[in-house]
Amino acid sequence: MSPLPKWFFLVDTFAPLILALTPLAPIASAVAKGIQEAEALIGATSEQKLAHAVNIARAGIEALNAQLGRVVVDPAIGTSLVSKCISVIVTVTNLVHQATAPSTP
């Protein structure tokens, strides 16, 4: 069985917790979706995966602001911050995933 379902679960868990401390909290689900989609890109480099996740998060920022008719998340700040937050979320997810992986004899 692939470890990705557990990894995806961890991303869904940690993204809202980490983003709650930032102006990106309203787009936590878009960030989590972007990370998960990026991780599923077979053969993509880390940089390509990050760019893919950032693009999805940026679309989430644009959609949120358009839906509410006002700037909730500043796109200029959001795009810069989202890249850093994605890196933190992936790092935390990887640490927990590795720490809870079954040990092999």
N, C-alpha and C. Protein backbone atom coordinates (compact mmCIF):
# COMPACT_ATOMS: atom_id res chain seq x y z
N MET A 1 0.84 -1.19 0.00
CA MET A 1 0.00 0.00 0.00
C MET A 1 0.88 1.25 0.00
N SER A 2 0.50 2.19 -0.79
CA SER A 2 1.25 3.43 -0.90
C SER A 2 1.14 4.24 0.38
N PRO A 3 2.24 4.90 0.78
CA PRO A 3 2.18 5.74 1.97
C PRO A 3 1.49 7.08 1.71
N LEU A 4 1.14 7.38 0.45
CA LEU A 4 0.56 8.69 0.15
C LEU A 4 -0.78 8.96 0.83
N PRO A 5 -1.71 7.99 0.94
CA PRO A 5 -2.95 8.34 1.64
C PRO A 5 -2.72 8.86 3.06
N LYS A 6 -1.80 8.25 3.78
CA LYS A 6 -1.48 8.74 5.13
C LYS A 6 -0.83 10.11 5.04
N TRP A 7 0.07 10.28 4.08
CA TRP A 7 0.77 11.55 3.91
C TRP A 7 -0.25 12.65 3.60
N PHE A 8 -1.22 12.34 2.71
CA PHE A 8 -2.26 13.31 2.37
C PHE A 8 -3.11 13.66 3.59
N PHE A 9 -3.41 12.66 4.40
CA PHE A 9 -4.16 12.90 5.64
C PHE A 9 -3.39 13.87 6.54
N LEU A 10 -2.09 13.66 6.65
CA LEU A 10 -1.27 14.54 7.48
C LEU A 10 -1.26 15.96 6.93
N VAL A 11 -1.18 16.10 5.61
CA VAL A 11 -1.24 17.44 5.01
C VAL A 11 -2.57 18.11 5.36
N ASP A 12 -3.67 17.38 5.23
CA ASP A 12 -4.99 17.92 5.59
C ASP A 12 -5.06 18.32 7.05
N THR A 13 -4.32 17.63 7.88
CA THR A 13 -4.30 17.93 9.32
C THR A 13 -3.45 19.15 9.62
N PHE A 14 -2.24 19.19 9.06
CA PHE A 14 -1.29 20.24 9.42
C PHE A 14 -1.50 21.56 8.69
N ALA A 15 -1.99 21.53 7.46
CA ALA A 15 -2.15 22.78 6.71
C ALA A 15 -3.02 23.79 7.46
N PRO A 16 -4.22 23.41 7.91
CA PRO A 16 -5.04 24.41 8.63
C PRO A 16 -4.41 24.86 9.94
N LEU A 17 -3.73 23.94 10.63
CA LEU A 17 -3.10 24.31 11.91
C LEU A 17 -1.99 25.33 11.70
N ILE A 18 -1.15 25.08 10.72
CA ILE A 18 -0.02 25.99 10.46
C ILE A 18 -0.51 27.30 9.85
N LEU A 19 -1.43 27.21 8.91
CA LEU A 19 -1.92 28.42 8.25
C LEU A 19 -2.80 29.28 9.14
N ALA A 20 -3.35 28.70 10.20
CA ALA A 20 -4.18 29.48 11.13
C ALA A 20 -3.38 30.62 11.76
N LEU A 21 -2.08 30.48 11.76
CA LEU A 21 -1.21 31.49 12.36
C LEU A 21 -0.76 32.55 11.35
N THR A 22 -1.32 32.50 10.14
CA THR A 22 -0.91 33.41 9.07
C THR A 22 -2.14 34.05 8.44
N PRO A 23 -1.91 35.05 7.58
CA PRO A 23 -3.05 35.62 6.84
C PRO A 23 -3.65 34.66 5.81
N LEU A 24 -3.00 33.50 5.61
CA LEU A 24 -3.49 32.53 4.63
C LEU A 24 -4.52 31.56 5.19
N ALA A 25 -4.91 31.71 6.42
CA ALA A 25 -5.86 30.79 7.04
C ALA A 25 -7.11 30.55 6.18
N PRO A 26 -7.69 31.57 5.55
CA PRO A 26 -8.91 31.33 4.76
C PRO A 26 -8.72 30.42 3.55
N ILE A 27 -7.48 30.21 3.11
CA ILE A 27 -7.27 29.36 1.93
C ILE A 27 -6.55 28.06 2.28
N ALA A 28 -6.66 27.63 3.51
CA ALA A 28 -5.97 26.41 3.95
C ALA A 28 -6.33 25.21 3.08
N SER A 29 -7.59 25.08 2.70
CA SER A 29 -7.98 23.92 1.90
C SER A 29 -7.36 23.98 0.51
N ALA A 30 -7.26 25.17 -0.08
CA ALA A 30 -6.62 25.31 -1.39
C ALA A 30 -5.13 24.97 -1.30
N VAL A 31 -4.50 25.38 -0.22
CA VAL A 31 -3.07 25.07 -0.03
C VAL A 31 -2.88 23.57 0.12
N ALA A 32 -3.71 22.93 0.93
CA ALA A 32 -3.61 21.48 1.12
C ALA A 32 -3.84 20.75 -0.21
N LYS A 33 -4.84 21.19 -0.97
CA LYS A 33 -5.11 20.58 -2.28
C LYS A 33 -3.92 20.75 -3.21
N GLY A 34 -3.34 21.92 -3.21
CA GLY A 34 -2.18 22.18 -4.06
C GLY A 34 -1.01 21.29 -3.71
N ILE A 35 -0.76 21.12 -2.43
CA ILE A 35 0.34 20.26 -1.98
C ILE A 35 0.08 18.82 -2.41
N GLN A 36 -1.13 18.36 -2.22
CA GLN A 36 -1.46 16.97 -2.56
C GLN A 36 -1.36 16.74 -4.06
N GLU A 37 -1.88 17.67 -4.86
CA GLU A 37 -1.77 17.53 -6.31
C GLU A 37 -0.31 17.53 -6.74
N ALA A 38 0.46 18.42 -6.17
CA ALA A 38 1.87 18.52 -6.53
C ALA A 38 2.62 17.24 -6.17
N GLU A 39 2.33 16.68 -5.03
CA GLU A 39 3.01 15.46 -4.60
C GLU A 39 2.69 14.30 -5.54
N ALA A 40 1.54 14.32 -6.15
CA ALA A 40 1.13 13.25 -7.05
C ALA A 40 1.74 13.38 -8.45
N LEU A 41 2.46 14.47 -8.72
CA LEU A 41 3.09 14.67 -10.03
C LEU A 41 4.32 13.77 -10.13
N ILE A 42 4.17 12.68 -10.81
CA ILE A 42 5.25 11.71 -10.96
C ILE A 42 6.38 12.32 -11.79
N GLY A 43 7.58 12.22 -11.29
CA GLY A 43 8.75 12.69 -12.02
C GLY A 43 9.02 14.19 -11.91
N ALA A 44 8.16 14.91 -11.22
CA ALA A 44 8.37 16.36 -11.07
C ALA A 44 9.43 16.63 -10.02
N THR A 45 10.20 17.67 -10.23
CA THR A 45 11.21 18.07 -9.25
C THR A 45 10.52 18.76 -8.07
N SER A 46 11.26 18.95 -7.02
CA SER A 46 10.72 19.68 -5.85
C SER A 46 10.29 21.08 -6.24
N GLU A 47 11.08 21.73 -7.07
CA GLU A 47 10.76 23.09 -7.50
C GLU A 47 9.48 23.11 -8.34
N GLN A 48 9.31 22.12 -9.21
CA GLN A 48 8.10 22.04 -10.03
C GLN A 48 6.88 21.77 -9.15
N LYS A 49 7.05 20.91 -8.17
CA LYS A 49 5.93 20.63 -7.26
C LYS A 49 5.55 21.88 -6.47
N LEU A 50 6.55 22.61 -5.97
CA LEU A 50 6.27 23.83 -5.22
C LEU A 50 5.56 24.84 -6.11
N ALA A 51 6.03 25.01 -7.34
CA ALA A 51 5.39 25.97 -8.25
C ALA A 51 3.94 25.58 -8.52
N HIS A 52 3.67 24.30 -8.67
CA HIS A 52 2.30 23.82 -8.91
C HIS A 52 1.42 24.14 -7.69
N ALA A 53 1.92 23.83 -6.51
CA ALA A 53 1.14 24.08 -5.28
C ALA A 53 0.90 25.58 -5.09
N VAL A 54 1.90 26.39 -5.37
CA VAL A 54 1.76 27.85 -5.23
C VAL A 54 0.70 28.36 -6.21
N ASN A 55 0.70 27.84 -7.42
CA ASN A 55 -0.30 28.28 -8.41
C ASN A 55 -1.72 27.97 -7.95
N ILE A 56 -1.92 26.80 -7.37
CA ILE A 56 -3.25 26.45 -6.87
C ILE A 56 -3.63 27.35 -5.70
N ALA A 57 -2.68 27.60 -4.81
CA ALA A 57 -2.96 28.49 -3.68
C ALA A 57 -3.27 29.90 -4.16
N ARG A 58 -2.52 30.37 -5.17
CA ARG A 58 -2.77 31.70 -5.73
C ARG A 58 -4.19 31.77 -6.31
N ALA A 59 -4.62 30.71 -6.98
CA ALA A 59 -5.99 30.67 -7.49
C ALA A 59 -6.99 30.72 -6.35
N GLY A 60 -6.66 30.06 -5.23
CA GLY A 60 -7.52 30.11 -4.05
C GLY A 60 -7.64 31.52 -3.49
N ILE A 61 -6.53 32.24 -3.48
CA ILE A 61 -6.53 33.64 -3.01
C ILE A 61 -7.43 34.48 -3.92
N GLU A 62 -7.24 34.34 -5.22
CA GLU A 62 -8.05 35.11 -6.18
C GLU A 62 -9.54 34.78 -6.05
N ALA A 63 -9.86 33.50 -5.90
CA ALA A 63 -11.26 33.08 -5.78
C ALA A 63 -11.88 33.61 -4.49
N LEU A 64 -11.14 33.53 -3.40
CA LEU A 64 -11.65 34.03 -2.12
C LEU A 64 -11.94 35.53 -2.20
N ASN A 65 -10.98 36.28 -2.71
CA ASN A 65 -11.16 37.73 -2.81
C ASN A 65 -12.32 38.07 -3.75
N ALA A 66 -12.45 37.36 -4.87
CA ALA A 66 -13.54 37.62 -5.81
C ALA A 66 -14.89 37.26 -5.20
N GLN A 67 -14.93 36.14 -4.51
CA GLN A 67 -16.19 35.69 -3.92
C GLN A 67 -16.71 36.68 -2.88
N LEU A 68 -15.79 37.23 -2.09
CA LEU A 68 -16.22 38.16 -1.04
C LEU A 68 -16.26 39.61 -1.51
N GLY A 69 -15.74 39.87 -2.71
CA GLY A 69 -15.80 41.22 -3.26
C GLY A 69 -14.89 42.20 -2.56
N ARG A 70 -13.89 41.69 -1.89
CA ARG A 70 -12.92 42.55 -1.22
C ARG A 70 -11.62 41.76 -1.04
N VAL A 71 -10.58 42.47 -0.69
CA VAL A 71 -9.29 41.80 -0.50
C VAL A 71 -9.24 41.24 0.92
N VAL A 72 -9.33 39.93 1.02
CA VAL A 72 -9.21 39.24 2.30
C VAL A 72 -7.76 38.84 2.50
N VAL A 73 -7.17 38.32 1.44
CA VAL A 73 -5.75 37.95 1.44
C VAL A 73 -5.09 38.75 0.32
N ASP A 74 -4.15 39.60 0.68
CA ASP A 74 -3.43 40.41 -0.30
C ASP A 74 -2.63 39.48 -1.21
N PRO A 75 -2.92 39.49 -2.52
CA PRO A 75 -2.22 38.57 -3.43
C PRO A 75 -0.70 38.72 -3.41
N ALA A 76 -0.19 39.93 -3.26
CA ALA A 76 1.26 40.13 -3.24
C ALA A 76 1.89 39.47 -2.01
N ILE A 77 1.28 39.67 -0.87
CA ILE A 77 1.78 39.05 0.36
C ILE A 77 1.51 37.55 0.32
N GLY A 78 0.33 37.18 -0.14
CA GLY A 78 -0.06 35.78 -0.16
C GLY A 78 0.85 34.90 -0.99
N THR A 79 1.23 35.37 -2.17
CA THR A 79 2.07 34.56 -3.05
C THR A 79 3.44 34.33 -2.43
N SER A 80 4.00 35.33 -1.82
CA SER A 80 5.30 35.18 -1.17
C SER A 80 5.20 34.28 0.05
N LEU A 81 4.19 34.51 0.84
CA LEU A 81 4.02 33.76 2.09
C LEU A 81 3.63 32.31 1.83
N VAL A 82 2.83 32.07 0.81
CA VAL A 82 2.35 30.71 0.56
C VAL A 82 3.50 29.76 0.26
N SER A 83 4.49 30.22 -0.45
CA SER A 83 5.65 29.38 -0.77
C SER A 83 6.36 28.94 0.51
N LYS A 84 6.55 29.87 1.41
CA LYS A 84 7.20 29.55 2.68
C LYS A 84 6.34 28.61 3.53
N CYS A 85 5.04 28.87 3.56
CA CYS A 85 4.13 28.03 4.35
C CYS A 85 4.06 26.61 3.79
N ILE A 86 4.05 26.49 2.47
CA ILE A 86 4.02 25.16 1.86
C ILE A 86 5.26 24.38 2.28
N SER A 87 6.40 25.04 2.26
CA SER A 87 7.63 24.36 2.67
C SER A 87 7.55 23.90 4.12
N VAL A 88 7.01 24.73 4.99
CA VAL A 88 6.85 24.35 6.40
C VAL A 88 5.89 23.18 6.54
N ILE A 89 4.75 23.25 5.85
CA ILE A 89 3.75 22.17 5.94
C ILE A 89 4.34 20.85 5.46
N VAL A 90 5.06 20.88 4.33
CA VAL A 90 5.65 19.66 3.80
C VAL A 90 6.72 19.13 4.76
N THR A 91 7.54 20.01 5.32
CA THR A 91 8.57 19.58 6.26
C THR A 91 7.96 18.93 7.49
N VAL A 92 6.95 19.56 8.08
CA VAL A 92 6.29 19.00 9.27
C VAL A 92 5.62 17.67 8.92
N THR A 93 4.94 17.64 7.79
CA THR A 93 4.27 16.40 7.36
C THR A 93 5.28 15.28 7.19
N ASN A 94 6.40 15.57 6.52
CA ASN A 94 7.42 14.54 6.33
C ASN A 94 8.01 14.06 7.65
N LEU A 95 8.25 14.97 8.57
CA LEU A 95 8.79 14.58 9.88
C LEU A 95 7.84 13.65 10.63
N VAL A 96 6.58 14.00 10.67
CA VAL A 96 5.60 13.17 11.37
C VAL A 96 5.40 11.86 10.64
N HIS A 97 5.35 11.91 9.32
CA HIS A 97 5.17 10.70 8.53
C HIS A 97 6.31 9.71 8.78
N GLN A 98 7.53 10.22 8.78
CA GLN A 98 8.68 9.36 9.04
C GLN A 98 8.70 8.84 10.47
N ALA A 99 8.31 9.67 11.40
CA ALA A 99 8.34 9.27 12.81
C ALA A 99 7.27 8.23 13.14
N THR A 100 6.21 8.21 12.35
CA THR A 100 5.12 7.27 12.63
C THR A 100 5.09 6.09 11.66
N ALA A 101 6.08 6.04 10.77
CA ALA A 101 6.14 4.92 9.81
C ALA A 101 6.49 3.63 10.55
N PRO A 102 5.89 2.53 10.13
CA PRO A 102 6.23 1.27 10.77
C PRO A 102 7.71 0.95 10.50
N SER A 103 8.38 0.47 11.52
CA SER A 103 9.79 0.15 11.34
C SER A 103 9.94 -1.18 10.61
N THR A 104 10.93 -1.23 9.76
CA THR A 104 11.18 -2.47 9.03
C THR A 104 12.35 -3.21 9.68
N PRO A 105 12.21 -4.52 9.82
CA PRO A 105 13.28 -5.26 10.49
C PRO A 105 14.53 -5.34 9.65
